[in-house]
Amino acid sequence: PATDLAVLRVDAKNLPVANFADSDVARVGEWVVAIGSPFGLGHTVT
């Protein structure tokens, strides 16, 4: 809760994995993309 993060697990193998960047070297002003399910609209890209 201190960072508002949680880890879940599902019973599945060989799932595609996201690669994580070094957020310390990210530059203010660079392009970013948000992906998620706003209001249940799955895999919306902004």
All heavy atoms as atom14 arrays in JSON, in Angstrom:
{
  "sequence": "PATDLAVLRVDAKNLPVANFADSDVARVGEWVVAIGSPFGLGHTVT",
  "atom14_mask": [
    [1, 1, 1, 1, 1, 1, 1, 0, 0, 0, 0, 0, 0, 0],
    [1, 1, 1, 1, 1, 0, 0, 0, 0, 0, 0, 0, 0, 0],
    [1, 1, 1, 1, 1, 1, 1, 0, 0, 0, 0, 0, 0, 0],
    [1, 1, 1, 1, 1, 1, 1, 1, 0, 0, 0, 0, 0, 0],
    [1, 1, 1, 1, 1, 1, 1, 1, 0, 0, 0, 0, 0, 0],
    [1, 1, 1, 1, 1, 0, 0, 0, 0, 0, 0, 0, 0, 0],
    [1, 1, 1, 1, 1, 1, 1, 0, 0, 0, 0, 0, 0, 0],
    [1, 1, 1, 1, 1, 1, 1, 1, 0, 0, 0, 0, 0, 0],
    [1, 1, 1, 1, 1, 1, 1, 1, 1, 1, 1, 0, 0, 0],
    [1, 1, 1, 1, 1, 1, 1, 0, 0, 0, 0, 0, 0, 0],
    [1, 1, 1, 1, 1, 1, 1, 1, 0, 0, 0, 0, 0, 0],
    [1, 1, 1, 1, 1, 0, 0, 0, 0, 0, 0, 0, 0, 0],
    [1, 1, 1, 1, 1, 1, 1, 1, 1, 0, 0, 0, 0, 0],
    [1, 1, 1, 1, 1, 1, 1, 1, 0, 0, 0, 0, 0, 0],
    [1, 1, 1, 1, 1, 1, 1, 1, 0, 0, 0, 0, 0, 0],
    [1, 1, 1, 1, 1, 1, 1, 0, 0, 0, 0, 0, 0, 0],
    [1, 1, 1, 1, 1, 1, 1, 0, 0, 0, 0, 0, 0, 0],
    [1, 1, 1, 1, 1, 0, 0, 0, 0, 0, 0, 0, 0, 0],
    [1, 1, 1, 1, 1, 1, 1, 1, 0, 0, 0, 0, 0, 0],
    [1, 1, 1, 1, 1, 1, 1, 1, 1, 1, 1, 0, 0, 0],
    [1, 1, 1, 1, 1, 0, 0, 0, 0, 0, 0, 0, 0, 0],
    [1, 1, 1, 1, 1, 1, 1, 1, 0, 0, 0, 0, 0, 0],
    [1, 1, 1, 1, 1, 1, 0, 0, 0, 0, 0, 0, 0, 0],
    [1, 1, 1, 1, 1, 1, 1, 1, 0, 0, 0, 0, 0, 0],
    [1, 1, 1, 1, 1, 1, 1, 0, 0, 0, 0, 0, 0, 0],
    [1, 1, 1, 1, 1, 0, 0, 0, 0, 0, 0, 0, 0, 0],
    [1, 1, 1, 1, 1, 1, 1, 1, 1, 1, 1, 0, 0, 0],
    [1, 1, 1, 1, 1, 1, 1, 0, 0, 0, 0, 0, 0, 0],
    [1, 1, 1, 1, 0, 0, 0, 0, 0, 0, 0, 0, 0, 0],
    [1, 1, 1, 1, 1, 1, 1, 1, 1, 0, 0, 0, 0, 0],
    [1, 1, 1, 1, 1, 1, 1, 1, 1, 1, 1, 1, 1, 1],
    [1, 1, 1, 1, 1, 1, 1, 0, 0, 0, 0, 0, 0, 0],
    [1, 1, 1, 1, 1, 1, 1, 0, 0, 0, 0, 0, 0, 0],
    [1, 1, 1, 1, 1, 0, 0, 0, 0, 0, 0, 0, 0, 0],
    [1, 1, 1, 1, 1, 1, 1, 1, 0, 0, 0, 0, 0, 0],
    [1, 1, 1, 1, 0, 0, 0, 0, 0, 0, 0, 0, 0, 0],
    [1, 1, 1, 1, 1, 1, 0, 0, 0, 0, 0, 0, 0, 0],
    [1, 1, 1, 1, 1, 1, 1, 0, 0, 0, 0, 0, 0, 0],
    [1, 1, 1, 1, 1, 1, 1, 1, 1, 1, 1, 0, 0, 0],
    [1, 1, 1, 1, 0, 0, 0, 0, 0, 0, 0, 0, 0, 0],
    [1, 1, 1, 1, 1, 1, 1, 1, 0, 0, 0, 0, 0, 0],
    [1, 1, 1, 1, 0, 0, 0, 0, 0, 0, 0, 0, 0, 0],
    [1, 1, 1, 1, 1, 1, 1, 1, 1, 1, 0, 0, 0, 0],
    [1, 1, 1, 1, 1, 1, 1, 0, 0, 0, 0, 0, 0, 0],
    [1, 1, 1, 1, 1, 1, 1, 0, 0, 0, 0, 0, 0, 0],
    [1, 1, 1, 1, 1, 1, 1, 0, 0, 0, 0, 0, 0, 0]
  ],
  "atom14_positions": [
    [[0.8, -1.22, 0.0], [0.0, 0.0, 0.0], [0.83, 1.28, 0.0], [0.37, 2.31, -0.48], [-0.83, -0.13, 1.29], [-0.91, -1.6, 1.55], [0.43, -2.13, 1.1], [0.0, 0.0, 0.0], [0.0, 0.0, 0.0], [0.0, 0.0, 0.0], [0.0, 0.0, 0.0], [0.0, 0.0, 0.0], [0.0, 0.0, 0.0], [0.0, 0.0, 0.0]],
    [[2.05, 1.23, 0.53], [2.88, 2.43, 0.6], [3.18, 3.0, -0.77], [3.3, 4.22, -0.93], [4.18, 2.14, 1.34], [0.0, 0.0, 0.0], [0.0, 0.0, 0.0], [0.0, 0.0, 0.0], [0.0, 0.0, 0.0], [0.0, 0.0, 0.0], [0.0, 0.0, 0.0], [0.0, 0.0, 0.0], [0.0, 0.0, 0.0], [0.0, 0.0, 0.0]],
    [[3.31, 2.14, -1.77], [3.54, 2.6, -3.14], [2.33, 2.38, -4.04], [2.37, 2.69, -5.22], [4.74, 1.86, -3.77], [4.51, 0.45, -3.69], [6.03, 2.2, -3.05], [0.0, 0.0, 0.0], [0.0, 0.0, 0.0], [0.0, 0.0, 0.0], [0.0, 0.0, 0.0], [0.0, 0.0, 0.0], [0.0, 0.0, 0.0], [0.0, 0.0, 0.0]],
    [[1.25, 1.84, -3.46], [0.03, 1.52, -4.21], [0.32, 0.52, -5.33], [-0.16, 0.67, -6.45], [-0.62, 2.78, -4.79], [-2.04, 2.51, -5.3], [-2.65, 1.52, -4.86], [-2.5, 3.28, -6.17], [0.0, 0.0, 0.0], [0.0, 0.0, 0.0], [0.0, 0.0, 0.0], [0.0, 0.0, 0.0], [0.0, 0.0, 0.0], [0.0, 0.0, 0.0]],
    [[1.1, -0.5, -5.02], [1.41, -1.55, -5.98], [1.01, -2.91, -5.42], [0.94, -3.11, -4.21], [2.9, -1.55, -6.33], [3.43, -0.32, -7.07], [4.95, -0.36, -7.15], [2.82, -0.22, -8.47], [0.0, 0.0, 0.0], [0.0, 0.0, 0.0], [0.0, 0.0, 0.0], [0.0, 0.0, 0.0], [0.0, 0.0, 0.0], [0.0, 0.0, 0.0]],
    [[0.72, -3.84, -6.32], [0.37, -5.2, -5.93], [0.78, -6.14, -7.05], [0.89, -5.75, -8.21], [-1.13, -5.32, -5.66], [0.0, 0.0, 0.0], [0.0, 0.0, 0.0], [0.0, 0.0, 0.0], [0.0, 0.0, 0.0], [0.0, 0.0, 0.0], [0.0, 0.0, 0.0], [0.0, 0.0, 0.0], [0.0, 0.0, 0.0], [0.0, 0.0, 0.0]],
    [[1.0, -7.39, -6.68], [1.34, -8.42, -7.66], [0.3, -9.54, -7.57], [-0.01, -10.03, -6.48], [2.75, -9.0, -7.41], [3.04, -10.13, -8.38], [3.8, -7.9, -7.54], [0.0, 0.0, 0.0], [0.0, 0.0, 0.0], [0.0, 0.0, 0.0], [0.0, 0.0, 0.0], [0.0, 0.0, 0.0], [0.0, 0.0, 0.0], [0.0, 0.0, 0.0]],
    [[-0.24, -9.9, -8.72], [-1.17, -11.02, -8.85], [-0.49, -12.14, -9.61], [0.56, -11.95, -10.23], [-2.43, -10.59, -9.62], [-3.19, -9.36, -9.12], [-4.34, -9.04, -10.06], [-3.68, -9.58, -7.7], [0.0, 0.0, 0.0], [0.0, 0.0, 0.0], [0.0, 0.0, 0.0], [0.0, 0.0, 0.0], [0.0, 0.0, 0.0], [0.0, 0.0, 0.0]],
    [[-1.12, -13.31, -9.59], [-0.62, -14.41, -10.4], [-1.8, -15.16, -11.0], [-2.83, -15.35, -10.35], [0.23, -15.37, -9.57], [0.89, -16.46, -10.42], [1.82, -17.33, -9.6], [3.04, -16.66, -9.18], [4.08, -16.45, -9.98], [4.04, -16.84, -11.26], [5.17, -15.85, -9.51], [0.0, 0.0, 0.0], [0.0, 0.0, 0.0], [0.0, 0.0, 0.0]],
    [[-1.65, -15.55, -12.25], [-2.62, -16.4, -12.93], [-1.91, -17.69, -13.34], [-0.69, -17.72, -13.51], [-3.22, -15.71, -14.17], [-4.02, -14.48, -13.77], [-2.14, -15.33, -15.18], [0.0, 0.0, 0.0], [0.0, 0.0, 0.0], [0.0, 0.0, 0.0], [0.0, 0.0, 0.0], [0.0, 0.0, 0.0], [0.0, 0.0, 0.0], [0.0, 0.0, 0.0]],
    [[-2.68, -18.75, -13.49], [-2.12, -20.04, -13.89], [-1.98, -20.07, -15.41], [-2.89, -20.49, -16.13], [-3.0, -21.18, -13.4], [-2.95, -21.33, -11.89], [-1.88, -21.04, -11.3], [-3.97, -21.73, -11.29], [0.0, 0.0, 0.0], [0.0, 0.0, 0.0], [0.0, 0.0, 0.0], [0.0, 0.0, 0.0], [0.0, 0.0, 0.0], [0.0, 0.0, 0.0]],
    [[-0.86, -19.61, -15.89], [-0.57, -19.58, -17.32], [0.94, -19.55, -17.51], [1.67, -19.06, -16.65], [-1.22, -18.38, -18.0], [0.0, 0.0, 0.0], [0.0, 0.0, 0.0], [0.0, 0.0, 0.0], [0.0, 0.0, 0.0], [0.0, 0.0, 0.0], [0.0, 0.0, 0.0], [0.0, 0.0, 0.0], [0.0, 0.0, 0.0], [0.0, 0.0, 0.0]],
    [[1.38, -20.06, -18.63], [2.8, -20.1, -18.93], [3.06, -19.42, -20.28], [2.17, -19.21, -21.08], [3.3, -21.56, -18.99], [3.07, -22.35, -17.7], [3.89, -21.8, -16.53], [3.7, -22.64, -15.27], [4.45, -22.08, -14.13], [0.0, 0.0, 0.0], [0.0, 0.0, 0.0], [0.0, 0.0, 0.0], [0.0, 0.0, 0.0], [0.0, 0.0, 0.0]],
    [[4.34, -19.08, -20.47], [4.8, -18.51, -21.75], [4.01, -17.27, -22.15], [3.67, -17.07, -23.32], [4.71, -19.57, -22.86], [5.55, -20.79, -22.56], [6.68, -20.69, -22.09], [4.99, -21.97, -22.82], [0.0, 0.0, 0.0], [0.0, 0.0, 0.0], [0.0, 0.0, 0.0], [0.0, 0.0, 0.0], [0.0, 0.0, 0.0], [0.0, 0.0, 0.0]],
    [[3.71, -16.43, -21.17], [2.99, -15.2, -21.46], [3.96, -14.13, -21.98], [5.14, -14.13, -21.62], [2.3, -14.68, -20.2], [1.2, -15.56, -19.61], [0.66, -14.93, -18.33], [0.08, -15.77, -20.61], [0.0, 0.0, 0.0], [0.0, 0.0, 0.0], [0.0, 0.0, 0.0], [0.0, 0.0, 0.0], [0.0, 0.0, 0.0], [0.0, 0.0, 0.0]],
    [[3.47, -13.22, -22.82], [4.32, -12.12, -23.27], [4.62, -11.18, -22.11], [3.74, -10.86, -21.32], [3.46, -11.42, -24.34], [2.06, -11.79, -24.0], [2.12, -13.16, -23.41], [0.0, 0.0, 0.0], [0.0, 0.0, 0.0], [0.0, 0.0, 0.0], [0.0, 0.0, 0.0], [0.0, 0.0, 0.0], [0.0, 0.0, 0.0], [0.0, 0.0, 0.0]],
    [[5.86, -10.76, -22.0], [6.32, -9.97, -20.85], [6.69, -8.57, -21.3], [7.3, -8.38, -22.36], [7.53, -10.65, -20.18], [8.04, -9.81, -19.01], [7.15, -12.04, -19.69], [0.0, 0.0, 0.0], [0.0, 0.0, 0.0], [0.0, 0.0, 0.0], [0.0, 0.0, 0.0], [0.0, 0.0, 0.0], [0.0, 0.0, 0.0], [0.0, 0.0, 0.0]],
    [[6.33, -7.59, -20.48], [6.72, -6.2, -20.76], [8.16, -5.97, -20.32], [8.6, -6.48, -19.28], [5.79, -5.24, -20.03], [0.0, 0.0, 0.0], [0.0, 0.0, 0.0], [0.0, 0.0, 0.0], [0.0, 0.0, 0.0], [0.0, 0.0, 0.0], [0.0, 0.0, 0.0], [0.0, 0.0, 0.0], [0.0, 0.0, 0.0], [0.0, 0.0, 0.0]],
    [[8.9, -5.2, -21.09], [10.26, -4.8, -20.73], [10.22, -3.47, -19.99], [9.49, -2.56, -20.37], [11.13, -4.67, -21.99], [11.35, -6.0, -22.67], [11.58, -7.01, -22.02], [11.28, -6.01, -23.99], [0.0, 0.0, 0.0], [0.0, 0.0, 0.0], [0.0, 0.0, 0.0], [0.0, 0.0, 0.0], [0.0, 0.0, 0.0], [0.0, 0.0, 0.0]],
    [[11.01, -3.36, -18.93], [11.02, -2.16, -18.11], [12.23, -1.31, -18.43], [13.35, -1.81, -18.56], [11.01, -2.53, -16.63], [9.64, -2.88, -16.11], [8.97, -3.98, -16.6], [9.03, -2.1, -15.15], [7.71, -4.32, -16.14], [7.76, -2.42, -14.67], [7.1, -3.53, -15.18], [0.0, 0.0, 0.0], [0.0, 0.0, 0.0], [0.0, 0.0, 0.0]],
    [[12.0, 0.0, -18.56], [13.07, 0.96, -18.82], [13.66, 1.46, -17.51], [13.12, 1.2, -16.42], [12.53, 2.13, -19.64], [0.0, 0.0, 0.0], [0.0, 0.0, 0.0], [0.0, 0.0, 0.0], [0.0, 0.0, 0.0], [0.0, 0.0, 0.0], [0.0, 0.0, 0.0], [0.0, 0.0, 0.0], [0.0, 0.0, 0.0], [0.0, 0.0, 0.0]],
    [[14.75, 2.18, -17.59], [15.34, 2.87, -16.45], [14.66, 4.24, -16.36], [14.97, 5.16, -17.13], [16.85, 3.02, -16.64], [17.53, 3.72, -15.47], [16.83, 4.2, -14.56], [18.78, 3.8, -15.48], [0.0, 0.0, 0.0], [0.0, 0.0, 0.0], [0.0, 0.0, 0.0], [0.0, 0.0, 0.0], [0.0, 0.0, 0.0], [0.0, 0.0, 0.0]],
    [[13.74, 4.38, -15.43], [12.97, 5.63, -15.34], [13.83, 6.81, -14.94], [13.46, 7.96, -15.19], [11.81, 5.46, -14.36], [12.26, 5.0, -13.1], [0.0, 0.0, 0.0], [0.0, 0.0, 0.0], [0.0, 0.0, 0.0], [0.0, 0.0, 0.0], [0.0, 0.0, 0.0], [0.0, 0.0, 0.0], [0.0, 0.0, 0.0], [0.0, 0.0, 0.0]],
    [[14.99, 6.56, -14.34], [15.86, 7.68, -13.94], [16.42, 8.43, -15.14], [16.74, 9.62, -15.03], [17.01, 7.17, -13.07], [16.57, 6.8, -11.66], [15.44, 7.16, -11.29], [17.35, 6.15, -10.95], [0.0, 0.0, 0.0], [0.0, 0.0, 0.0], [0.0, 0.0, 0.0], [0.0, 0.0, 0.0], [0.0, 0.0, 0.0], [0.0, 0.0, 0.0]],
    [[16.58, 7.75, -16.26], [17.18, 8.41, -17.43], [16.12, 8.9, -18.4], [16.45, 9.47, -19.46], [18.17, 7.47, -18.16], [19.27, 7.05, -17.22], [17.46, 6.25, -18.73], [0.0, 0.0, 0.0], [0.0, 0.0, 0.0], [0.0, 0.0, 0.0], [0.0, 0.0, 0.0], [0.0, 0.0, 0.0], [0.0, 0.0, 0.0], [0.0, 0.0, 0.0]],
    [[14.84, 8.7, -18.08], [13.79, 9.22, -18.94], [13.87, 10.75, -18.98], [14.21, 11.39, -17.98], [12.42, 8.78, -18.43], [0.0, 0.0, 0.0], [0.0, 0.0, 0.0], [0.0, 0.0, 0.0], [0.0, 0.0, 0.0], [0.0, 0.0, 0.0], [0.0, 0.0, 0.0], [0.0, 0.0, 0.0], [0.0, 0.0, 0.0], [0.0, 0.0, 0.0]],
    [[13.53, 11.32, -20.12], [13.67, 12.77, -20.31], [12.3, 13.44, -20.33], [11.38, 12.99, -21.01], [14.39, 13.07, -21.62], [15.79, 12.49, -21.71], [16.38, 12.73, -23.08], [16.5, 14.16, -23.37], [16.6, 14.65, -24.6], [16.57, 13.84, -25.65], [16.71, 15.94, -24.79], [0.0, 0.0, 0.0], [0.0, 0.0, 0.0], [0.0, 0.0, 0.0]],
    [[12.18, 14.5, -19.55], [10.95, 15.28, -19.58], [10.76, 15.84, -20.99], [11.69, 16.4, -21.58], [11.01, 16.43, -18.55], [9.81, 17.35, -18.69], [11.07, 15.86, -17.14], [0.0, 0.0, 0.0], [0.0, 0.0, 0.0], [0.0, 0.0, 0.0], [0.0, 0.0, 0.0], [0.0, 0.0, 0.0], [0.0, 0.0, 0.0], [0.0, 0.0, 0.0]],
    [[9.58, 15.65, -21.52], [9.27, 16.11, -22.87], [9.25, 15.0, -23.9], [8.75, 15.2, -25.01], [0.0, 0.0, 0.0], [0.0, 0.0, 0.0], [0.0, 0.0, 0.0], [0.0, 0.0, 0.0], [0.0, 0.0, 0.0], [0.0, 0.0, 0.0], [0.0, 0.0, 0.0], [0.0, 0.0, 0.0], [0.0, 0.0, 0.0], [0.0, 0.0, 0.0]],
    [[9.77, 13.81, -23.55], [9.76, 12.72, -24.53], [8.35, 12.14, -24.67], [7.53, 12.21, -23.76], [10.75, 11.63, -24.15], [10.4, 10.81, -22.92], [11.36, 9.64, -22.73], [11.17, 8.62, -23.42], [12.28, 9.75, -21.89], [0.0, 0.0, 0.0], [0.0, 0.0, 0.0], [0.0, 0.0, 0.0], [0.0, 0.0, 0.0], [0.0, 0.0, 0.0]],
    [[8.1, 11.56, -25.84], [6.8, 10.95, -26.11], [6.59, 9.75, -25.2], [7.52, 8.97, -24.92], [6.72, 10.46, -27.56], [6.65, 11.53, -28.6], [7.65, 11.98, -29.4], [5.48, 12.25, -29.0], [7.2, 12.94, -30.26], [5.87, 13.13, -30.04], [4.15, 12.26, -28.57], [4.97, 14.0, -30.66], [3.25, 13.12, -29.19], [3.67, 13.97, -30.22]],
    [[5.34, 9.58, -24.75], [4.96, 8.4, -23.98], [3.6, 7.91, -24.45], [2.82, 8.67, -25.04], [4.92, 8.68, -22.45], [6.31, 8.92, -21.91], [3.99, 9.86, -22.14], [0.0, 0.0, 0.0], [0.0, 0.0, 0.0], [0.0, 0.0, 0.0], [0.0, 0.0, 0.0], [0.0, 0.0, 0.0], [0.0, 0.0, 0.0], [0.0, 0.0, 0.0]],
    [[3.33, 6.65, -24.17], [2.07, 6.01, -24.55], [1.5, 5.3, -23.33], [2.23, 4.58, -22.64], [2.29, 5.0, -25.69], [0.99, 4.27, -26.02], [2.84, 5.7, -26.94], [0.0, 0.0, 0.0], [0.0, 0.0, 0.0], [0.0, 0.0, 0.0], [0.0, 0.0, 0.0], [0.0, 0.0, 0.0], [0.0, 0.0, 0.0], [0.0, 0.0, 0.0]],
    [[0.22, 5.53, -23.05], [-0.47, 4.83, -21.96], [-1.39, 3.79, -22.57], [-2.11, 4.06, -23.54], [-1.27, 5.81, -21.11], [0.0, 0.0, 0.0], [0.0, 0.0, 0.0], [0.0, 0.0, 0.0], [0.0, 0.0, 0.0], [0.0, 0.0, 0.0], [0.0, 0.0, 0.0], [0.0, 0.0, 0.0], [0.0, 0.0, 0.0], [0.0, 0.0, 0.0]],
    [[-1.36, 2.58, -22.01], [-2.2, 1.49, -22.49], [-2.96, 0.9, -21.3], [-2.37, 0.65, -20.26], [-1.38, 0.38, -23.18], [-0.53, 0.98, -24.3], [-2.28, -0.71, -23.74], [0.37, -0.03, -24.99], [0.0, 0.0, 0.0], [0.0, 0.0, 0.0], [0.0, 0.0, 0.0], [0.0, 0.0, 0.0], [0.0, 0.0, 0.0], [0.0, 0.0, 0.0]],
    [[-4.26, 0.72, -21.46], [-5.06, 0.18, -20.36], [-6.51, 0.01, -20.77], [-6.84, -0.01, -21.96], [0.0, 0.0, 0.0], [0.0, 0.0, 0.0], [0.0, 0.0, 0.0], [0.0, 0.0, 0.0], [0.0, 0.0, 0.0], [0.0, 0.0, 0.0], [0.0, 0.0, 0.0], [0.0, 0.0, 0.0], [0.0, 0.0, 0.0], [0.0, 0.0, 0.0]],
    [[-7.37, -0.1, -19.76], [-8.79, -0.38, -19.99], [-9.66, 0.69, -19.34], [-10.39, 0.41, -18.38], [-9.15, -1.76, -19.46], [-8.4, -2.76, -20.1], [0.0, 0.0, 0.0], [0.0, 0.0, 0.0], [0.0, 0.0, 0.0], [0.0, 0.0, 0.0], [0.0, 0.0, 0.0], [0.0, 0.0, 0.0], [0.0, 0.0, 0.0], [0.0, 0.0, 0.0]],
    [[-9.61, 1.93, -19.81], [-10.47, 2.96, -19.22], [-11.94, 2.62, -19.4], [-12.39, 2.31, -20.51], [-10.07, 4.23, -19.99], [-9.54, 3.74, -21.3], [-8.86, 2.44, -20.98], [0.0, 0.0, 0.0], [0.0, 0.0, 0.0], [0.0, 0.0, 0.0], [0.0, 0.0, 0.0], [0.0, 0.0, 0.0], [0.0, 0.0, 0.0], [0.0, 0.0, 0.0]],
    [[-12.68, 2.62, -18.29], [-14.11, 2.3, -18.3], [-14.39, 0.95, -18.96], [-15.43, 0.75, -19.57], [-14.9, 3.41, -19.0], [-14.74, 4.76, -18.34], [-13.94, 5.73, -18.91], [-15.38, 5.03, -17.13], [-13.79, 6.97, -18.29], [-15.22, 6.26, -16.52], [-14.43, 7.23, -17.09], [0.0, 0.0, 0.0], [0.0, 0.0, 0.0], [0.0, 0.0, 0.0]],
    [[-13.43, 0.03, -18.85], [-13.63, -1.3, -19.4], [-13.35, -1.43, -20.88], [-13.55, -2.51, -21.45], [0.0, 0.0, 0.0], [0.0, 0.0, 0.0], [0.0, 0.0, 0.0], [0.0, 0.0, 0.0], [0.0, 0.0, 0.0], [0.0, 0.0, 0.0], [0.0, 0.0, 0.0], [0.0, 0.0, 0.0], [0.0, 0.0, 0.0], [0.0, 0.0, 0.0]],
    [[-12.88, -0.37, -21.51], [-12.56, -0.4, -22.94], [-11.14, -0.93, -23.1], [-10.17, -0.17, -23.1], [-12.71, 0.99, -23.56], [-14.11, 1.62, -23.39], [-14.12, 3.06, -23.89], [-15.15, 0.79, -24.13], [0.0, 0.0, 0.0], [0.0, 0.0, 0.0], [0.0, 0.0, 0.0], [0.0, 0.0, 0.0], [0.0, 0.0, 0.0], [0.0, 0.0, 0.0]],
    [[-11.02, -2.25, -23.22], [-9.74, -2.91, -23.14], [-8.73, -2.46, -24.18], [-9.07, -2.19, -25.32], [0.0, 0.0, 0.0], [0.0, 0.0, 0.0], [0.0, 0.0, 0.0], [0.0, 0.0, 0.0], [0.0, 0.0, 0.0], [0.0, 0.0, 0.0], [0.0, 0.0, 0.0], [0.0, 0.0, 0.0], [0.0, 0.0, 0.0], [0.0, 0.0, 0.0]],
    [[-7.47, -2.38, -23.75], [-6.32, -2.08, -24.59], [-6.51, -0.78, -25.38], [-6.27, -0.71, -26.58], [-6.05, -3.26, -25.53], [-5.61, -4.49, -24.79], [-6.51, -5.42, -24.32], [-4.38, -4.9, -24.4], [-5.84, -6.38, -23.69], [-4.55, -6.09, -23.72], [0.0, 0.0, 0.0], [0.0, 0.0, 0.0], [0.0, 0.0, 0.0], [0.0, 0.0, 0.0]],
    [[-6.95, 0.24, -24.65], [-7.03, 1.58, -25.23], [-5.65, 2.23, -25.19], [-4.94, 2.13, -24.19], [-8.04, 2.44, -24.44], [-9.35, 1.9, -24.63], [-8.02, 3.88, -24.9], [0.0, 0.0, 0.0], [0.0, 0.0, 0.0], [0.0, 0.0, 0.0], [0.0, 0.0, 0.0], [0.0, 0.0, 0.0], [0.0, 0.0, 0.0], [0.0, 0.0, 0.0]],
    [[-5.28, 2.88, -26.28], [-3.96, 3.51, -26.4], [-4.14, 5.02, -26.46], [-4.91, 5.53, -27.27], [-3.24, 3.01, -27.67], [-1.9, 3.73, -27.83], [-3.04, 1.51, -27.61], [0.0, 0.0, 0.0], [0.0, 0.0, 0.0], [0.0, 0.0, 0.0], [0.0, 0.0, 0.0], [0.0, 0.0, 0.0], [0.0, 0.0, 0.0], [0.0, 0.0, 0.0]],
    [[-3.44, 5.74, -25.59], [-3.42, 7.2, -25.63], [-1.97, 7.67, -25.62], [-1.08, 6.97, -25.15], [-4.17, 7.81, -24.42], [-3.6, 7.32, -23.21], [-5.65, 7.44, -24.47], [0.0, 0.0, 0.0], [0.0, 0.0, 0.0], [0.0, 0.0, 0.0], [0.0, 0.0, 0.0], [0.0, 0.0, 0.0], [0.0, 0.0, 0.0], [0.0, 0.0, 0.0]]
  ]
}
